[in-house]
């Protein structure tokens, strides 16, 4: 099965914060988990792609780059986006289809925005998705804490389906590149 690790908006200024915005919730653990899954992908020969948001640090300088503590493989693909959705006018969808990708493991920021839209778009675009339970984060908002948003999305997106393809949520400790979607399909 052709698969890929997709890391969304794990950028320096988004994770560290700035004068107006605090650091992302549970930043250190998020970086550790992203690196752990990057290592797993590399060991299995699974390609890795990153998406960067052009709104972060106004699309410039070190704040715009992938966080300096994240181990970015030299061969990783990088896509830049100008919308919440990682698939909107980025070339990502075309790239995934050209590589015959069937399964996407997703991590990154922010849970209720870019992660949610990427998971949902991927399933309607013909991919099975594994969202890494402890591999995405957010800042929270006036209604819900970051922890509540993460828990809510892990619950909501586990089993989320669009007819032929669906998403499941698994922990970074699991063998994420041994997808379990077919097990669920066989037991429907």
N, C-alpha and C. Protein backbone atom coordinates (compact mmCIF):
# COMPACT_ATOMS: atom_id res chain seq x y z
N UNK A 1 0.85 -1.18 0.00
CA UNK A 1 0.00 0.00 0.00
C UNK A 1 0.89 1.24 0.00
N UNK A 2 0.59 2.17 -0.88
CA UNK A 2 1.32 3.43 -0.91
C UNK A 2 0.74 4.39 0.11
N UNK A 3 1.62 4.92 0.94
CA UNK A 3 1.17 5.82 2.00
C UNK A 3 2.18 6.94 2.18
N UNK A 4 1.77 7.95 2.96
CA UNK A 4 2.60 9.12 3.19
C UNK A 4 2.33 9.67 4.59
N UNK A 5 3.34 10.31 5.16
CA UNK A 5 3.17 11.08 6.39
C UNK A 5 3.03 12.53 5.98
N UNK A 6 1.95 13.17 6.40
CA UNK A 6 1.69 14.57 6.09
C UNK A 6 1.69 15.37 7.39
N UNK A 7 2.60 16.34 7.49
CA UNK A 7 2.72 17.20 8.67
C UNK A 7 2.30 18.60 8.26
N UNK A 8 1.25 19.10 8.91
CA UNK A 8 0.61 20.35 8.50
C UNK A 8 0.93 21.47 9.50
N UNK A 9 1.44 22.57 8.98
CA UNK A 9 1.62 23.83 9.73
C UNK A 9 2.44 23.68 11.01
N UNK A 10 3.45 22.85 11.00
CA UNK A 10 4.33 22.70 12.17
C UNK A 10 5.47 23.72 12.04
N UNK A 11 5.08 24.98 12.01
CA UNK A 11 6.00 26.07 11.72
C UNK A 11 6.49 26.75 13.01
N UNK A 12 7.66 27.34 12.91
CA UNK A 12 8.34 27.93 14.05
C UNK A 12 7.45 28.89 14.84
N UNK A 13 6.91 29.90 14.19
CA UNK A 13 6.14 30.90 14.90
C UNK A 13 4.80 30.37 15.39
N UNK A 14 4.21 29.45 14.67
CA UNK A 14 2.93 28.88 15.10
C UNK A 14 3.13 28.05 16.36
N UNK A 15 4.19 27.26 16.41
CA UNK A 15 4.44 26.43 17.58
C UNK A 15 4.97 27.25 18.76
N UNK A 16 5.87 28.17 18.50
CA UNK A 16 6.49 28.96 19.59
C UNK A 16 5.66 30.15 20.03
N UNK A 17 4.76 30.61 19.18
CA UNK A 17 4.00 31.82 19.48
C UNK A 17 4.81 33.06 19.15
N UNK A 18 4.22 34.21 19.44
CA UNK A 18 4.89 35.50 19.21
C UNK A 18 4.36 36.50 20.22
N UNK A 19 4.55 37.80 19.97
CA UNK A 19 4.13 38.82 20.93
C UNK A 19 2.62 38.83 21.16
N UNK A 20 1.84 38.43 20.15
CA UNK A 20 0.38 38.47 20.27
C UNK A 20 -0.25 37.13 20.63
N UNK A 21 0.44 36.03 20.32
CA UNK A 21 -0.16 34.70 20.47
C UNK A 21 0.76 33.80 21.29
N UNK A 22 0.16 33.03 22.18
CA UNK A 22 0.95 32.12 23.02
C UNK A 22 1.41 30.91 22.21
N UNK A 23 2.36 30.15 22.75
CA UNK A 23 2.78 28.91 22.07
C UNK A 23 1.63 27.92 21.98
N UNK A 24 1.74 27.03 21.02
CA UNK A 24 0.73 25.99 20.82
C UNK A 24 0.66 25.11 22.07
N UNK A 25 -0.49 24.58 22.37
CA UNK A 25 -0.70 23.73 23.54
C UNK A 25 0.19 22.49 23.45
N UNK A 26 0.88 22.18 24.53
CA UNK A 26 1.69 20.97 24.66
C UNK A 26 2.77 20.87 23.58
N UNK A 27 3.40 22.01 23.31
CA UNK A 27 4.36 22.15 22.21
C UNK A 27 5.48 21.12 22.25
N UNK A 28 6.13 20.96 23.39
CA UNK A 28 7.28 20.06 23.47
C UNK A 28 6.90 18.62 23.14
N UNK A 29 5.77 18.17 23.68
CA UNK A 29 5.31 16.81 23.40
C UNK A 29 4.92 16.66 21.93
N UNK A 30 4.29 17.67 21.38
CA UNK A 30 3.92 17.62 19.97
C UNK A 30 5.16 17.46 19.09
N UNK A 31 6.19 18.24 19.35
CA UNK A 31 7.43 18.14 18.56
C UNK A 31 8.05 16.76 18.72
N UNK A 32 8.09 16.24 19.95
CA UNK A 32 8.64 14.89 20.17
C UNK A 32 7.86 13.85 19.37
N UNK A 33 6.53 13.96 19.40
CA UNK A 33 5.70 12.98 18.70
C UNK A 33 5.85 13.09 17.19
N UNK A 34 5.94 14.31 16.67
CA UNK A 34 6.16 14.48 15.23
C UNK A 34 7.48 13.83 14.84
N UNK A 35 8.53 14.08 15.60
CA UNK A 35 9.83 13.49 15.29
C UNK A 35 9.81 11.97 15.40
N UNK A 36 9.08 11.45 16.38
CA UNK A 36 8.96 10.00 16.54
C UNK A 36 8.31 9.38 15.30
N UNK A 37 7.25 10.00 14.81
CA UNK A 37 6.54 9.45 13.65
C UNK A 37 7.36 9.66 12.37
N UNK A 38 8.08 10.77 12.27
CA UNK A 38 8.99 10.96 11.13
C UNK A 38 10.01 9.83 11.10
N UNK A 39 10.57 9.50 12.26
CA UNK A 39 11.54 8.40 12.33
C UNK A 39 10.91 7.08 11.89
N UNK A 40 9.68 6.82 12.34
CA UNK A 40 8.99 5.58 11.95
C UNK A 40 8.77 5.54 10.44
N UNK A 41 8.35 6.67 9.88
CA UNK A 41 8.12 6.74 8.43
C UNK A 41 9.42 6.49 7.68
N UNK A 42 10.48 7.13 8.13
CA UNK A 42 11.77 6.97 7.45
C UNK A 42 12.25 5.52 7.50
N UNK A 43 12.08 4.87 8.65
CA UNK A 43 12.49 3.47 8.79
C UNK A 43 11.72 2.55 7.85
N UNK A 44 10.47 2.91 7.56
CA UNK A 44 9.64 2.07 6.68
C UNK A 44 9.70 2.52 5.22
N UNK A 45 10.47 3.56 4.95
CA UNK A 45 10.56 4.06 3.57
C UNK A 45 9.32 4.79 3.11
N UNK A 46 8.54 5.33 4.06
CA UNK A 46 7.33 6.06 3.73
C UNK A 46 7.70 7.52 3.46
N UNK A 47 7.27 8.07 2.34
CA UNK A 47 7.59 9.47 2.05
C UNK A 47 6.93 10.42 3.05
N UNK A 48 7.52 11.60 3.17
CA UNK A 48 7.05 12.60 4.13
C UNK A 48 6.83 13.91 3.40
N UNK A 49 5.71 14.56 3.69
CA UNK A 49 5.41 15.87 3.11
C UNK A 49 5.00 16.82 4.22
N UNK A 50 5.35 18.08 4.04
CA UNK A 50 4.98 19.14 4.97
C UNK A 50 4.15 20.17 4.22
N UNK A 51 3.22 20.77 4.95
CA UNK A 51 2.45 21.89 4.41
C UNK A 51 2.72 23.08 5.32
N UNK A 52 3.02 24.22 4.71
CA UNK A 52 3.26 25.45 5.46
C UNK A 52 2.17 26.45 5.13
N UNK A 53 1.70 27.16 6.15
CA UNK A 53 0.67 28.18 5.99
C UNK A 53 1.33 29.53 5.72
N UNK A 54 1.00 30.15 4.61
CA UNK A 54 1.58 31.44 4.24
C UNK A 54 1.17 32.57 5.18
N UNK A 55 0.16 32.35 6.01
CA UNK A 55 -0.24 33.37 7.00
C UNK A 55 0.70 33.40 8.20
N UNK A 56 1.41 32.31 8.45
CA UNK A 56 2.33 32.26 9.59
C UNK A 56 3.54 33.13 9.28
N UNK A 57 3.83 34.07 10.16
CA UNK A 57 4.97 34.99 10.02
C UNK A 57 4.93 35.71 8.67
N UNK A 58 3.71 35.93 8.18
CA UNK A 58 3.50 36.60 6.89
C UNK A 58 4.25 35.90 5.75
N UNK A 59 4.48 34.57 5.90
CA UNK A 59 5.11 33.79 4.85
C UNK A 59 6.58 34.09 4.64
N UNK A 60 7.24 34.60 5.67
CA UNK A 60 8.64 35.00 5.51
C UNK A 60 9.49 34.63 6.72
N UNK A 61 10.78 34.55 6.50
CA UNK A 61 11.76 34.42 7.58
C UNK A 61 11.70 33.10 8.32
N UNK A 62 12.44 33.06 9.41
CA UNK A 62 12.55 31.82 10.19
C UNK A 62 11.23 31.42 10.83
N UNK A 63 10.38 32.36 11.18
CA UNK A 63 9.08 32.04 11.77
C UNK A 63 8.17 31.27 10.85
N UNK A 64 8.36 31.44 9.55
CA UNK A 64 7.55 30.75 8.54
C UNK A 64 8.02 29.31 8.32
N UNK A 65 9.27 29.04 8.61
CA UNK A 65 9.86 27.73 8.32
C UNK A 65 9.32 26.65 9.26
N UNK A 66 9.49 25.40 8.85
CA UNK A 66 9.15 24.28 9.71
C UNK A 66 9.99 24.40 10.97
N UNK A 67 9.42 24.11 12.11
CA UNK A 67 10.08 24.32 13.40
C UNK A 67 11.48 23.71 13.41
N UNK A 68 12.42 24.45 13.94
CA UNK A 68 13.84 24.04 13.90
C UNK A 68 14.11 22.75 14.66
N UNK A 69 13.24 22.36 15.59
CA UNK A 69 13.45 21.12 16.34
C UNK A 69 12.84 19.90 15.66
N UNK A 70 12.16 20.12 14.56
CA UNK A 70 11.56 19.01 13.81
C UNK A 70 12.58 18.51 12.80
N UNK A 71 12.76 17.21 12.75
CA UNK A 71 13.74 16.58 11.87
C UNK A 71 13.16 16.42 10.47
N UNK A 72 13.42 17.40 9.63
CA UNK A 72 12.87 17.39 8.27
C UNK A 72 13.84 16.64 7.35
N UNK A 73 13.41 15.48 6.82
CA UNK A 73 14.28 14.76 5.90
C UNK A 73 14.57 15.59 4.64
N UNK A 74 15.75 15.45 4.11
CA UNK A 74 16.16 16.20 2.92
C UNK A 74 15.20 15.96 1.76
N UNK A 75 14.72 14.75 1.63
CA UNK A 75 13.86 14.40 0.49
C UNK A 75 12.38 14.74 0.71
N UNK A 76 12.04 15.32 1.86
CA UNK A 76 10.63 15.65 2.14
C UNK A 76 10.12 16.69 1.14
N UNK A 77 8.87 16.53 0.75
CA UNK A 77 8.20 17.52 -0.11
C UNK A 77 7.58 18.59 0.77
N UNK A 78 7.58 19.82 0.29
CA UNK A 78 6.99 20.93 1.03
C UNK A 78 6.01 21.66 0.12
N UNK A 79 4.79 21.85 0.64
CA UNK A 79 3.74 22.57 -0.08
C UNK A 79 3.35 23.78 0.75
N UNK A 80 3.13 24.90 0.10
CA UNK A 80 2.68 26.11 0.79
C UNK A 80 1.22 26.36 0.46
N UNK A 81 0.48 26.81 1.47
CA UNK A 81 -0.95 27.05 1.27
C UNK A 81 -1.34 28.45 1.70
N UNK A 82 -2.40 28.95 1.10
CA UNK A 82 -2.91 30.27 1.45
C UNK A 82 -4.32 30.18 2.04
N UNK A 83 -4.80 28.96 2.23
CA UNK A 83 -6.14 28.73 2.78
C UNK A 83 -6.04 27.75 3.94
N UNK A 84 -7.11 27.61 4.69
CA UNK A 84 -7.14 26.65 5.79
C UNK A 84 -6.92 25.24 5.29
N UNK A 85 -7.48 24.92 4.14
CA UNK A 85 -7.43 23.58 3.59
C UNK A 85 -6.11 23.32 2.85
N UNK A 86 -5.38 22.33 3.29
CA UNK A 86 -4.08 21.98 2.70
C UNK A 86 -4.18 21.53 1.25
N UNK A 87 -5.37 21.17 0.80
CA UNK A 87 -5.54 20.67 -0.56
C UNK A 87 -5.93 21.78 -1.54
N UNK A 88 -6.24 22.97 -1.04
CA UNK A 88 -6.74 24.04 -1.90
C UNK A 88 -5.59 24.76 -2.60
N UNK A 89 -5.48 24.54 -3.91
CA UNK A 89 -4.50 25.21 -4.79
C UNK A 89 -3.06 25.08 -4.30
N UNK A 90 -2.71 23.89 -3.79
CA UNK A 90 -1.34 23.68 -3.32
C UNK A 90 -0.57 22.68 -4.17
N UNK A 91 -1.25 21.89 -4.96
CA UNK A 91 -0.60 20.83 -5.71
C UNK A 91 -0.50 19.54 -4.91
N UNK A 92 -0.91 19.57 -3.64
CA UNK A 92 -0.83 18.39 -2.79
C UNK A 92 -1.67 17.24 -3.32
N UNK A 93 -2.91 17.50 -3.66
CA UNK A 93 -3.79 16.44 -4.15
C UNK A 93 -3.22 15.80 -5.42
N UNK A 94 -2.75 16.61 -6.34
CA UNK A 94 -2.18 16.09 -7.57
C UNK A 94 -0.94 15.24 -7.28
N UNK A 95 -0.12 15.70 -6.35
CA UNK A 95 1.07 14.95 -5.97
C UNK A 95 0.69 13.59 -5.38
N UNK A 96 -0.26 13.57 -4.46
CA UNK A 96 -0.68 12.32 -3.81
C UNK A 96 -1.23 11.34 -4.85
N UNK A 97 -2.03 11.84 -5.76
CA UNK A 97 -2.60 10.97 -6.80
C UNK A 97 -1.50 10.47 -7.74
N UNK A 98 -0.53 11.31 -8.07
CA UNK A 98 0.55 10.88 -8.97
C UNK A 98 1.42 9.81 -8.33
N UNK A 99 1.46 9.79 -7.00
CA UNK A 99 2.24 8.79 -6.27
C UNK A 99 1.39 7.57 -5.89
N UNK A 100 0.13 7.57 -6.31
CA UNK A 100 -0.80 6.47 -6.04
C UNK A 100 -0.96 6.23 -4.53
N UNK A 101 -0.97 7.30 -3.77
CA UNK A 101 -1.12 7.21 -2.31
C UNK A 101 -2.55 6.75 -2.00
N UNK A 102 -2.65 5.82 -1.05
CA UNK A 102 -3.96 5.33 -0.60
C UNK A 102 -4.22 5.70 0.86
N UNK A 103 -3.16 5.85 1.64
CA UNK A 103 -3.28 6.07 3.08
C UNK A 103 -2.40 7.24 3.50
N UNK A 104 -2.99 8.17 4.25
CA UNK A 104 -2.26 9.34 4.75
C UNK A 104 -2.27 9.33 6.27
N UNK A 105 -1.09 9.40 6.87
CA UNK A 105 -0.96 9.61 8.31
C UNK A 105 -0.77 11.10 8.49
N UNK A 106 -1.63 11.74 9.33
CA UNK A 106 -1.62 13.20 9.47
C UNK A 106 -1.28 13.64 10.88
N UNK A 107 -0.50 14.74 10.94
CA UNK A 107 -0.11 15.39 12.19
C UNK A 107 -0.03 16.89 11.93
N UNK A 108 -0.05 17.70 13.00
CA UNK A 108 0.20 19.12 12.82
C UNK A 108 -0.72 20.03 13.60
N UNK A 109 -0.96 21.22 13.05
CA UNK A 109 -1.71 22.28 13.72
C UNK A 109 -2.66 22.94 12.73
N UNK A 110 -3.59 23.68 13.12
CA UNK A 110 -4.32 23.63 14.36
C UNK A 110 -5.47 22.67 14.22
N UNK A 111 -5.77 21.98 15.29
CA UNK A 111 -6.73 20.88 15.29
C UNK A 111 -8.05 21.21 14.62
N UNK A 112 -8.73 22.27 15.09
CA UNK A 112 -10.10 22.55 14.63
C UNK A 112 -10.14 23.27 13.30
N UNK A 113 -9.01 23.67 12.79
CA UNK A 113 -8.99 24.39 11.52
C UNK A 113 -8.34 23.52 10.44
N UNK A 114 -7.05 23.61 10.31
CA UNK A 114 -6.33 22.97 9.21
C UNK A 114 -6.33 21.45 9.29
N UNK A 115 -6.26 20.90 10.50
CA UNK A 115 -6.27 19.44 10.62
C UNK A 115 -7.65 18.89 10.27
N UNK A 116 -8.67 19.47 10.82
CA UNK A 116 -10.03 19.01 10.55
C UNK A 116 -10.33 19.06 9.05
N UNK A 117 -10.02 20.19 8.41
CA UNK A 117 -10.34 20.29 6.98
C UNK A 117 -9.51 19.33 6.15
N UNK A 118 -8.25 19.08 6.53
CA UNK A 118 -7.41 18.15 5.78
C UNK A 118 -7.93 16.72 5.89
N UNK A 119 -8.31 16.31 7.08
CA UNK A 119 -8.84 14.95 7.26
C UNK A 119 -10.09 14.76 6.42
N UNK A 120 -11.01 15.69 6.52
CA UNK A 120 -12.27 15.56 5.80
C UNK A 120 -12.07 15.61 4.28
N UNK A 121 -11.24 16.52 3.83
CA UNK A 121 -10.98 16.63 2.39
C UNK A 121 -10.30 15.37 1.86
N UNK A 122 -9.37 14.84 2.62
CA UNK A 122 -8.66 13.63 2.18
C UNK A 122 -9.63 12.46 2.00
N UNK A 123 -10.57 12.30 2.94
CA UNK A 123 -11.48 11.15 2.81
C UNK A 123 -12.39 11.29 1.61
N UNK A 124 -12.84 12.50 1.30
CA UNK A 124 -13.70 12.65 0.12
C UNK A 124 -12.89 12.66 -1.18
N UNK A 125 -11.58 12.75 -1.06
CA UNK A 125 -10.71 12.75 -2.23
C UNK A 125 -10.13 11.36 -2.53
N UNK A 126 -10.57 10.35 -1.79
CA UNK A 126 -10.18 8.98 -2.11
C UNK A 126 -9.06 8.40 -1.27
N UNK A 127 -8.81 8.97 -0.08
CA UNK A 127 -7.74 8.47 0.78
C UNK A 127 -8.29 8.00 2.11
N UNK A 128 -7.70 6.95 2.65
CA UNK A 128 -7.93 6.61 4.05
C UNK A 128 -6.95 7.46 4.86
N UNK A 129 -7.37 7.87 6.05
CA UNK A 129 -6.56 8.76 6.87
C UNK A 129 -6.40 8.17 8.26
N UNK A 130 -5.18 8.26 8.78
CA UNK A 130 -4.93 8.00 10.19
C UNK A 130 -4.49 9.32 10.79
N UNK A 131 -5.32 9.86 11.67
CA UNK A 131 -4.98 11.07 12.41
C UNK A 131 -4.25 10.62 13.68
N UNK A 132 -3.07 11.18 13.92
CA UNK A 132 -2.30 10.79 15.08
C UNK A 132 -2.88 11.50 16.31
N UNK A 133 -3.44 10.71 17.19
CA UNK A 133 -4.17 11.20 18.37
C UNK A 133 -3.38 12.22 19.18
N UNK A 134 -2.11 11.97 19.40
CA UNK A 134 -1.26 12.86 20.18
C UNK A 134 -0.27 13.59 19.28
N UNK A 135 -0.70 13.81 18.03
CA UNK A 135 0.17 14.43 17.05
C UNK A 135 -0.42 15.68 16.42
N UNK A 136 -1.39 16.29 17.07
CA UNK A 136 -1.95 17.56 16.60
C UNK A 136 -2.30 18.42 17.79
N UNK A 137 -2.32 19.73 17.58
CA UNK A 137 -2.56 20.65 18.69
C UNK A 137 -3.18 21.95 18.19
N UNK A 138 -3.51 22.80 19.16
CA UNK A 138 -4.18 24.06 18.87
C UNK A 138 -3.92 25.05 20.00
N UNK A 139 -4.47 26.22 19.86
CA UNK A 139 -4.33 27.26 20.89
C UNK A 139 -5.54 27.31 21.82
N UNK A 140 -6.65 26.71 21.41
CA UNK A 140 -7.89 26.86 22.18
C UNK A 140 -8.58 28.14 21.74
N UNK A 141 -9.73 28.40 22.35
CA UNK A 141 -10.47 29.63 22.02
C UNK A 141 -11.29 30.06 23.23
N UNK A 142 -12.19 31.01 23.06
CA UNK A 142 -12.99 31.53 24.18
C UNK A 142 -14.04 30.54 24.66
N UNK A 143 -14.32 29.50 23.88
CA UNK A 143 -15.37 28.55 24.23
C UNK A 143 -14.80 27.26 24.80
N UNK A 144 -13.75 26.73 24.18
CA UNK A 144 -13.17 25.45 24.60
C UNK A 144 -11.66 25.60 24.79
N UNK A 145 -11.13 24.84 25.74
CA UNK A 145 -9.69 24.82 25.93
C UNK A 145 -9.05 24.02 24.80
N UNK A 146 -7.76 24.16 24.63
CA UNK A 146 -7.04 23.39 23.61
C UNK A 146 -7.24 21.90 23.85
N UNK A 147 -7.14 21.47 25.09
CA UNK A 147 -7.30 20.05 25.42
C UNK A 147 -8.70 19.56 25.04
N UNK A 148 -9.73 20.36 25.29
CA UNK A 148 -11.09 19.97 24.93
C UNK A 148 -11.26 19.86 23.42
N UNK A 149 -10.69 20.80 22.69
CA UNK A 149 -10.79 20.78 21.23
C UNK A 149 -10.11 19.52 20.67
N UNK A 150 -8.93 19.20 21.19
CA UNK A 150 -8.20 18.02 20.72
C UNK A 150 -9.00 16.76 21.01
N UNK A 151 -9.50 16.62 22.23
CA UNK A 151 -10.30 15.43 22.58
C UNK A 151 -11.55 15.33 21.72
N UNK A 152 -12.22 16.47 21.52
CA UNK A 152 -13.43 16.48 20.70
C UNK A 152 -13.13 15.99 19.28
N UNK A 153 -12.07 16.51 18.68
CA UNK A 153 -11.76 16.12 17.31
C UNK A 153 -11.27 14.68 17.22
N UNK A 154 -10.54 14.22 18.21
CA UNK A 154 -10.14 12.80 18.19
C UNK A 154 -11.37 11.91 18.22
N UNK A 155 -12.37 12.29 18.98
CA UNK A 155 -13.61 11.51 19.06
C UNK A 155 -14.42 11.63 17.77
N UNK A 156 -14.57 12.85 17.28
CA UNK A 156 -15.39 13.11 16.10
C UNK A 156 -14.80 12.50 14.83
N UNK A 157 -13.48 12.59 14.68
CA UNK A 157 -12.85 12.14 13.44
C UNK A 157 -12.52 10.65 13.44
N UNK A 158 -12.61 9.98 14.59
CA UNK A 158 -12.39 8.53 14.60
C UNK A 158 -13.62 7.86 14.03
N UNK A 159 -13.42 7.24 12.88
CA UNK A 159 -14.55 6.59 12.21
C UNK A 159 -15.28 7.50 11.25
N UNK A 160 -14.83 8.75 11.12
CA UNK A 160 -15.46 9.67 10.16
C UNK A 160 -15.29 9.10 8.76
N UNK A 161 -16.36 8.99 8.03
CA UNK A 161 -16.26 8.39 6.71
C UNK A 161 -17.03 9.17 5.66
N UNK A 162 -16.57 9.00 4.45
CA UNK A 162 -17.22 9.56 3.28
C UNK A 162 -17.36 8.45 2.26
N UNK A 163 -18.31 7.58 2.48
CA UNK A 163 -18.68 6.45 1.63
C UNK A 163 -17.57 5.41 1.54
N UNK A 164 -16.55 5.64 0.71
CA UNK A 164 -15.54 4.61 0.47
C UNK A 164 -14.31 4.73 1.36
N UNK A 165 -14.04 5.90 1.87
CA UNK A 165 -12.81 6.13 2.64
C UNK A 165 -13.16 6.81 3.96
N UNK A 166 -12.31 6.55 4.97
CA UNK A 166 -12.62 7.11 6.27
C UNK A 166 -11.35 7.35 7.07
N UNK A 167 -11.54 8.01 8.20
CA UNK A 167 -10.41 8.33 9.07
C UNK A 167 -10.53 7.54 10.37
N UNK A 168 -9.38 7.19 10.89
CA UNK A 168 -9.31 6.60 12.22
C UNK A 168 -8.26 7.38 13.01
N UNK A 169 -8.34 7.29 14.31
CA UNK A 169 -7.42 8.00 15.19
C UNK A 169 -6.62 6.96 15.95
N UNK A 170 -5.29 7.10 15.88
CA UNK A 170 -4.39 6.17 16.57
C UNK A 170 -3.27 6.95 17.26
N UNK A 171 -2.73 6.38 18.32
CA UNK A 171 -1.68 7.00 19.11
C UNK A 171 -0.32 6.86 18.41
N UNK A 172 0.57 7.81 18.67
CA UNK A 172 1.89 7.80 18.03
C UNK A 172 2.72 6.57 18.39
N UNK A 173 2.39 5.89 19.47
CA UNK A 173 3.12 4.68 19.87
C UNK A 173 2.77 3.49 18.99
N UNK A 174 1.64 3.55 18.30
CA UNK A 174 1.19 2.43 17.48
C UNK A 174 1.95 2.36 16.15
N UNK A 175 1.81 1.25 15.46
CA UNK A 175 2.42 1.10 14.14
C UNK A 175 1.49 1.78 13.13
N UNK A 176 1.64 3.07 13.01
CA UNK A 176 0.74 3.89 12.20
C UNK A 176 0.81 3.55 10.71
N UNK A 177 1.93 2.98 10.28
CA UNK A 177 2.10 2.65 8.87
C UNK A 177 1.70 1.21 8.56
N UNK A 178 0.98 0.62 9.49
CA UNK A 178 0.30 -0.65 9.27
C UNK A 178 -1.18 -0.31 9.47
N UNK A 179 -1.81 0.26 8.43
CA UNK A 179 -3.17 0.78 8.58
C UNK A 179 -4.17 -0.32 8.95
N UNK A 180 -5.16 0.07 9.73
CA UNK A 180 -6.18 -0.87 10.20
C UNK A 180 -7.54 -0.64 9.54
N UNK A 181 -7.60 0.20 8.53
CA UNK A 181 -8.87 0.51 7.88
C UNK A 181 -9.55 -0.74 7.32
N UNK A 182 -8.77 -1.64 6.74
CA UNK A 182 -9.36 -2.84 6.13
C UNK A 182 -9.99 -3.74 7.19
N UNK A 183 -9.42 -3.76 8.38
CA UNK A 183 -10.02 -4.54 9.46
C UNK A 183 -11.43 -4.04 9.75
N UNK A 184 -11.57 -2.72 9.80
CA UNK A 184 -12.91 -2.15 10.06
C UNK A 184 -13.87 -2.42 8.91
N UNK A 185 -13.38 -2.37 7.68
CA UNK A 185 -14.25 -2.62 6.52
C UNK A 185 -14.75 -4.06 6.53
N UNK A 186 -13.88 -5.00 6.89
CA UNK A 186 -14.25 -6.40 6.89
C UNK A 186 -15.28 -6.72 7.97
N UNK A 187 -15.31 -5.90 9.02
CA UNK A 187 -16.21 -6.18 10.14
C UNK A 187 -17.44 -5.28 10.14
N UNK A 188 -17.76 -4.69 8.98
CA UNK A 188 -18.96 -3.84 8.92
C UNK A 188 -20.21 -4.68 8.87
